[in-house]
Amino acid sequence: QVQLVESGGGLVQAGGTLRLSCAASGSIFRFNAMGWYRQAPGKQRDMVAGITRGGTTNYADSVKGRFTISRDNANNTVYLQMNSLKPEDTAVYYCASGSRPWEFAYWGQGTQVTVSS
């Protein structure tokens, strides 16, 4: 059983930064794909960023140039660095893992990110 635990969410003003972390219960090296999704109230859950074991990344157009995903296989952690935050980035952010890009089978419980204007 895989457990993913997100942390680092919070309240920040527009233009600010946050770094989300996702700690896995076991080795993330077995997962080719790690990713971050988000879901705002009344909206569907959308992929924000993904990264393969080899370091290939994929970003939603809305966050390109502002967000950076990275993975530390040695410490079984995935990060999402979020810069230049906007109110429309407000959502619950979920960490996900899977065997193939970008198909995710395991999910964390989510962490709230709120960006005030």
N, C-alpha and C. Protein backbone atom coordinates (compact mmCIF):
# COMPACT_ATOMS: atom_id res chain seq x y z
N GLN A 1 0.84 -1.19 0.00
CA GLN A 1 0.00 0.00 0.00
C GLN A 1 0.87 1.24 0.00
N VAL A 2 0.61 2.13 -0.92
CA VAL A 2 1.38 3.36 -1.04
C VAL A 2 0.66 4.47 -0.31
N GLN A 3 1.39 5.21 0.47
CA GLN A 3 0.82 6.39 1.12
C GLN A 3 1.60 7.62 0.68
N LEU A 4 0.85 8.63 0.26
CA LEU A 4 1.43 9.90 -0.15
C LEU A 4 0.88 10.98 0.78
N VAL A 5 1.76 11.76 1.37
CA VAL A 5 1.35 12.78 2.32
C VAL A 5 1.88 14.13 1.86
N GLU A 6 0.95 15.02 1.56
CA GLU A 6 1.32 16.36 1.11
C GLU A 6 1.48 17.31 2.31
N SER A 7 2.31 18.30 2.12
CA SER A 7 2.47 19.36 3.12
C SER A 7 2.95 20.62 2.42
N GLY A 8 2.87 21.74 3.13
CA GLY A 8 3.39 22.98 2.59
C GLY A 8 2.34 23.96 2.11
N GLY A 9 1.08 23.55 2.11
CA GLY A 9 0.03 24.46 1.69
C GLY A 9 -0.19 25.57 2.72
N GLY A 10 -1.01 26.53 2.34
CA GLY A 10 -1.30 27.62 3.26
C GLY A 10 -1.89 28.81 2.55
N LEU A 11 -1.91 29.92 3.26
CA LEU A 11 -2.45 31.18 2.74
C LEU A 11 -1.29 32.09 2.36
N VAL A 12 -1.35 32.62 1.15
CA VAL A 12 -0.29 33.50 0.68
C VAL A 12 -0.91 34.60 -0.17
N GLN A 13 -0.26 35.74 -0.19
CA GLN A 13 -0.75 36.84 -1.03
C GLN A 13 -0.34 36.62 -2.48
N ALA A 14 -1.10 37.22 -3.36
CA ALA A 14 -0.77 37.16 -4.79
C ALA A 14 0.66 37.65 -5.00
N GLY A 15 1.37 36.92 -5.85
CA GLY A 15 2.77 37.24 -6.10
C GLY A 15 3.73 36.48 -5.20
N GLY A 16 3.20 35.82 -4.20
CA GLY A 16 4.03 35.10 -3.25
C GLY A 16 4.43 33.72 -3.74
N THR A 17 5.12 33.01 -2.85
CA THR A 17 5.62 31.68 -3.20
C THR A 17 5.24 30.67 -2.12
N LEU A 18 5.13 29.43 -2.55
CA LEU A 18 4.95 28.29 -1.66
C LEU A 18 5.69 27.12 -2.26
N ARG A 19 6.13 26.20 -1.39
CA ARG A 19 6.69 24.95 -1.87
C ARG A 19 5.94 23.80 -1.22
N LEU A 20 5.32 23.00 -2.06
CA LEU A 20 4.62 21.82 -1.59
C LEU A 20 5.56 20.63 -1.60
N SER A 21 5.36 19.76 -0.63
CA SER A 21 6.14 18.52 -0.56
C SER A 21 5.18 17.34 -0.52
N CYS A 22 5.64 16.25 -1.08
CA CYS A 22 4.87 15.00 -1.05
C CYS A 22 5.81 13.89 -0.61
N ALA A 23 5.56 13.37 0.55
CA ALA A 23 6.39 12.30 1.09
C ALA A 23 5.70 10.97 0.89
N ALA A 24 6.43 10.03 0.32
CA ALA A 24 5.88 8.70 0.06
C ALA A 24 6.32 7.72 1.14
N SER A 25 5.48 6.72 1.38
CA SER A 25 5.77 5.75 2.42
C SER A 25 6.87 4.77 2.02
N GLY A 26 7.08 4.65 0.73
CA GLY A 26 8.14 3.76 0.27
C GLY A 26 8.91 4.41 -0.85
N SER A 27 9.68 3.61 -1.56
CA SER A 27 10.51 4.15 -2.62
C SER A 27 9.65 4.68 -3.77
N ILE A 28 9.93 5.92 -4.19
CA ILE A 28 9.21 6.46 -5.33
C ILE A 28 9.92 6.12 -6.63
N PHE A 29 11.09 5.51 -6.50
CA PHE A 29 11.83 5.19 -7.72
C PHE A 29 11.06 4.20 -8.57
N ARG A 30 10.24 3.36 -7.94
CA ARG A 30 9.43 2.39 -8.67
C ARG A 30 8.35 3.05 -9.51
N PHE A 31 8.03 4.29 -9.20
CA PHE A 31 6.98 4.99 -9.95
C PHE A 31 7.62 5.84 -11.05
N ASN A 32 7.31 5.51 -12.27
CA ASN A 32 7.86 6.31 -13.35
C ASN A 32 7.30 7.71 -13.32
N ALA A 33 6.03 7.83 -12.95
CA ALA A 33 5.39 9.13 -12.98
C ALA A 33 5.00 9.59 -11.58
N MET A 34 5.37 10.80 -11.27
CA MET A 34 4.89 11.48 -10.07
C MET A 34 4.29 12.80 -10.54
N GLY A 35 3.24 13.23 -9.84
CA GLY A 35 2.60 14.44 -10.32
C GLY A 35 1.85 15.19 -9.25
N TRP A 36 1.44 16.37 -9.64
CA TRP A 36 0.60 17.22 -8.81
C TRP A 36 -0.65 17.59 -9.60
N TYR A 37 -1.78 17.45 -8.93
CA TYR A 37 -3.06 17.88 -9.47
C TYR A 37 -3.63 18.93 -8.53
N ARG A 38 -4.63 19.64 -9.02
CA ARG A 38 -5.35 20.55 -8.14
C ARG A 38 -6.83 20.57 -8.49
N GLN A 39 -7.61 20.89 -7.48
CA GLN A 39 -9.06 20.97 -7.67
C GLN A 39 -9.61 22.16 -6.91
N ALA A 40 -10.18 23.09 -7.65
CA ALA A 40 -10.83 24.26 -7.06
C ALA A 40 -12.30 23.91 -6.83
N PRO A 41 -12.96 24.64 -5.92
CA PRO A 41 -14.38 24.37 -5.64
C PRO A 41 -15.23 24.42 -6.90
N GLY A 42 -16.02 23.40 -7.10
CA GLY A 42 -16.92 23.36 -8.24
C GLY A 42 -16.27 23.03 -9.57
N LYS A 43 -14.98 22.70 -9.54
CA LYS A 43 -14.26 22.40 -10.78
C LYS A 43 -13.68 20.99 -10.74
N GLN A 44 -13.30 20.49 -11.90
CA GLN A 44 -12.71 19.16 -11.95
C GLN A 44 -11.27 19.21 -11.50
N ARG A 45 -10.74 18.02 -11.18
CA ARG A 45 -9.36 17.92 -10.78
C ARG A 45 -8.49 17.89 -12.04
N ASP A 46 -7.54 18.79 -12.11
CA ASP A 46 -6.68 18.92 -13.29
C ASP A 46 -5.22 18.71 -12.92
N MET A 47 -4.48 18.16 -13.85
CA MET A 47 -3.05 17.98 -13.66
C MET A 47 -2.34 19.32 -13.74
N VAL A 48 -1.46 19.57 -12.78
CA VAL A 48 -0.68 20.79 -12.75
C VAL A 48 0.72 20.55 -13.31
N ALA A 49 1.33 19.47 -12.84
CA ALA A 49 2.70 19.17 -13.26
C ALA A 49 2.98 17.69 -13.04
N GLY A 50 3.85 17.15 -13.87
CA GLY A 50 4.26 15.77 -13.72
C GLY A 50 5.73 15.62 -14.03
N ILE A 51 6.33 14.55 -13.49
CA ILE A 51 7.74 14.30 -13.72
C ILE A 51 7.97 12.80 -13.78
N THR A 52 8.78 12.37 -14.74
CA THR A 52 9.10 10.95 -14.86
C THR A 52 10.34 10.62 -14.05
N ARG A 53 10.62 9.32 -13.96
CA ARG A 53 11.82 8.88 -13.25
C ARG A 53 13.06 9.49 -13.86
N GLY A 54 13.04 9.67 -15.16
CA GLY A 54 14.20 10.22 -15.85
C GLY A 54 14.29 11.73 -15.83
N GLY A 55 13.26 12.37 -15.27
CA GLY A 55 13.33 13.81 -15.14
C GLY A 55 12.55 14.59 -16.19
N THR A 56 11.87 13.89 -17.09
CA THR A 56 11.02 14.59 -18.06
C THR A 56 9.84 15.21 -17.33
N THR A 57 9.56 16.47 -17.64
CA THR A 57 8.48 17.17 -16.95
C THR A 57 7.38 17.58 -17.92
N ASN A 58 6.23 17.81 -17.34
CA ASN A 58 5.06 18.23 -18.09
C ASN A 58 4.28 19.20 -17.22
N TYR A 59 3.88 20.33 -17.79
CA TYR A 59 3.19 21.36 -17.02
C TYR A 59 1.91 21.79 -17.74
N ALA A 60 0.92 22.14 -16.93
CA ALA A 60 -0.26 22.80 -17.49
C ALA A 60 0.15 24.16 -17.99
N ASP A 61 -0.48 24.60 -19.06
CA ASP A 61 -0.13 25.90 -19.64
C ASP A 61 -0.26 27.03 -18.62
N SER A 62 -1.23 26.91 -17.74
CA SER A 62 -1.51 27.99 -16.79
C SER A 62 -0.41 28.19 -15.76
N VAL A 63 0.49 27.21 -15.61
CA VAL A 63 1.53 27.32 -14.58
C VAL A 63 2.94 27.34 -15.17
N LYS A 64 3.06 27.18 -16.47
CA LYS A 64 4.39 27.18 -17.09
C LYS A 64 5.12 28.47 -16.79
N GLY A 65 6.38 28.32 -16.40
CA GLY A 65 7.20 29.48 -16.08
C GLY A 65 7.05 29.96 -14.65
N ARG A 66 6.06 29.43 -13.93
CA ARG A 66 5.85 29.84 -12.53
C ARG A 66 6.05 28.67 -11.56
N PHE A 67 5.67 27.48 -11.96
CA PHE A 67 5.78 26.31 -11.09
C PHE A 67 6.90 25.40 -11.59
N THR A 68 7.55 24.73 -10.63
CA THR A 68 8.59 23.76 -10.97
C THR A 68 8.41 22.50 -10.13
N ILE A 69 8.34 21.37 -10.82
CA ILE A 69 8.23 20.09 -10.13
C ILE A 69 9.61 19.44 -10.09
N SER A 70 9.89 18.77 -8.98
CA SER A 70 11.15 18.05 -8.86
C SER A 70 10.92 16.82 -7.98
N ARG A 71 11.81 15.86 -8.10
CA ARG A 71 11.68 14.65 -7.30
C ARG A 71 13.04 14.28 -6.72
N ASP A 72 13.01 13.84 -5.49
CA ASP A 72 14.21 13.38 -4.79
C ASP A 72 14.00 11.90 -4.49
N ASN A 73 14.49 11.06 -5.39
CA ASN A 73 14.27 9.63 -5.25
C ASN A 73 14.92 9.07 -3.98
N ALA A 74 16.04 9.63 -3.60
CA ALA A 74 16.75 9.13 -2.42
C ALA A 74 15.93 9.34 -1.15
N ASN A 75 15.17 10.44 -1.12
CA ASN A 75 14.37 10.76 0.06
C ASN A 75 12.87 10.53 -0.16
N ASN A 76 12.53 9.92 -1.29
CA ASN A 76 11.14 9.55 -1.57
C ASN A 76 10.19 10.74 -1.45
N THR A 77 10.60 11.85 -2.02
CA THR A 77 9.83 13.08 -1.91
C THR A 77 9.73 13.77 -3.26
N VAL A 78 8.58 14.35 -3.51
CA VAL A 78 8.35 15.14 -4.71
C VAL A 78 7.97 16.55 -4.25
N TYR A 79 8.44 17.52 -4.98
CA TYR A 79 8.20 18.91 -4.61
C TYR A 79 7.49 19.65 -5.74
N LEU A 80 6.77 20.70 -5.34
CA LEU A 80 6.21 21.62 -6.32
C LEU A 80 6.52 23.03 -5.82
N GLN A 81 7.46 23.67 -6.48
CA GLN A 81 7.79 25.05 -6.17
C GLN A 81 6.85 25.96 -6.94
N MET A 82 6.13 26.80 -6.23
CA MET A 82 5.14 27.67 -6.85
C MET A 82 5.52 29.13 -6.62
N ASN A 83 5.82 29.81 -7.70
CA ASN A 83 6.20 31.22 -7.64
C ASN A 83 5.14 32.07 -8.33
N SER A 84 5.16 33.34 -8.05
CA SER A 84 4.24 34.30 -8.68
C SER A 84 2.80 33.80 -8.60
N LEU A 85 2.40 33.41 -7.42
CA LEU A 85 1.08 32.83 -7.25
C LEU A 85 -0.02 33.84 -7.55
N LYS A 86 -1.12 33.31 -8.10
CA LYS A 86 -2.28 34.12 -8.46
C LYS A 86 -3.51 33.61 -7.72
N PRO A 87 -4.51 34.46 -7.54
CA PRO A 87 -5.73 33.99 -6.87
C PRO A 87 -6.33 32.76 -7.55
N GLU A 88 -6.20 32.67 -8.85
CA GLU A 88 -6.76 31.51 -9.56
C GLU A 88 -6.00 30.22 -9.32
N ASP A 89 -4.88 30.29 -8.61
CA ASP A 89 -4.17 29.09 -8.21
C ASP A 89 -4.76 28.47 -6.94
N THR A 90 -5.71 29.15 -6.35
CA THR A 90 -6.36 28.65 -5.13
C THR A 90 -7.06 27.33 -5.42
N ALA A 91 -6.71 26.30 -4.63
CA ALA A 91 -7.27 24.97 -4.85
C ALA A 91 -6.71 24.03 -3.79
N VAL A 92 -7.25 22.83 -3.76
CA VAL A 92 -6.63 21.74 -3.02
C VAL A 92 -5.66 21.06 -3.97
N TYR A 93 -4.44 20.90 -3.54
CA TYR A 93 -3.40 20.29 -4.36
C TYR A 93 -3.14 18.86 -3.89
N TYR A 94 -3.12 17.95 -4.86
CA TYR A 94 -2.96 16.53 -4.59
C TYR A 94 -1.69 16.01 -5.24
N CYS A 95 -1.01 15.16 -4.51
CA CYS A 95 0.14 14.44 -5.05
C CYS A 95 -0.34 13.11 -5.60
N ALA A 96 0.29 12.64 -6.66
CA ALA A 96 -0.12 11.39 -7.28
C ALA A 96 1.10 10.63 -7.80
N SER A 97 0.95 9.32 -7.90
CA SER A 97 2.04 8.50 -8.43
C SER A 97 1.46 7.41 -9.32
N GLY A 98 2.29 6.98 -10.27
CA GLY A 98 1.84 5.94 -11.17
C GLY A 98 3.00 5.32 -11.93
N SER A 99 2.70 4.27 -12.63
CA SER A 99 3.74 3.54 -13.35
C SER A 99 4.04 4.11 -14.72
N ARG A 100 3.07 4.82 -15.29
CA ARG A 100 3.25 5.34 -16.64
C ARG A 100 2.84 6.80 -16.69
N PRO A 101 3.61 7.60 -17.38
CA PRO A 101 3.16 8.99 -17.60
C PRO A 101 1.97 9.03 -18.54
N TRP A 102 0.94 9.75 -18.30
CA TRP A 102 0.64 10.42 -17.03
C TRP A 102 -0.60 9.76 -16.46
N GLU A 103 -0.44 8.51 -16.09
CA GLU A 103 -1.50 7.71 -15.53
C GLU A 103 -1.21 7.47 -14.06
N PHE A 104 -2.08 7.97 -13.21
CA PHE A 104 -1.80 7.94 -11.77
C PHE A 104 -2.76 7.02 -11.05
N ALA A 105 -2.19 6.16 -10.20
CA ALA A 105 -2.99 5.18 -9.49
C ALA A 105 -3.11 5.46 -8.00
N TYR A 106 -2.20 6.23 -7.46
CA TYR A 106 -2.19 6.49 -6.03
C TYR A 106 -2.25 7.99 -5.78
N TRP A 107 -3.00 8.34 -4.73
CA TRP A 107 -3.26 9.75 -4.46
C TRP A 107 -3.06 10.07 -2.99
N GLY A 108 -2.62 11.30 -2.72
CA GLY A 108 -2.58 11.78 -1.36
C GLY A 108 -3.92 12.39 -0.97
N GLN A 109 -3.98 12.91 0.26
CA GLN A 109 -5.22 13.48 0.78
C GLN A 109 -5.40 14.94 0.39
N GLY A 110 -4.35 15.57 -0.05
CA GLY A 110 -4.45 16.95 -0.51
C GLY A 110 -4.02 17.97 0.53
N THR A 111 -3.60 19.12 0.04
CA THR A 111 -3.24 20.25 0.89
C THR A 111 -3.81 21.52 0.28
N GLN A 112 -4.40 22.35 1.13
CA GLN A 112 -5.09 23.55 0.64
C GLN A 112 -4.09 24.67 0.37
N VAL A 113 -4.22 25.27 -0.78
CA VAL A 113 -3.47 26.47 -1.14
C VAL A 113 -4.46 27.59 -1.41
N THR A 114 -4.32 28.69 -0.70
CA THR A 114 -5.21 29.84 -0.88
C THR A 114 -4.37 31.06 -1.18
N VAL A 115 -4.67 31.71 -2.29
CA VAL A 115 -3.94 32.90 -2.71
C VAL A 115 -4.89 34.08 -2.65
N SER A 116 -4.58 35.04 -1.82
CA SER A 116 -5.43 36.21 -1.68
C SER A 116 -4.98 37.33 -2.61
N SER A 117 -5.94 38.11 -3.04
CA SER A 117 -5.63 39.21 -3.98
C SER A 117 -5.28 40.49 -3.24
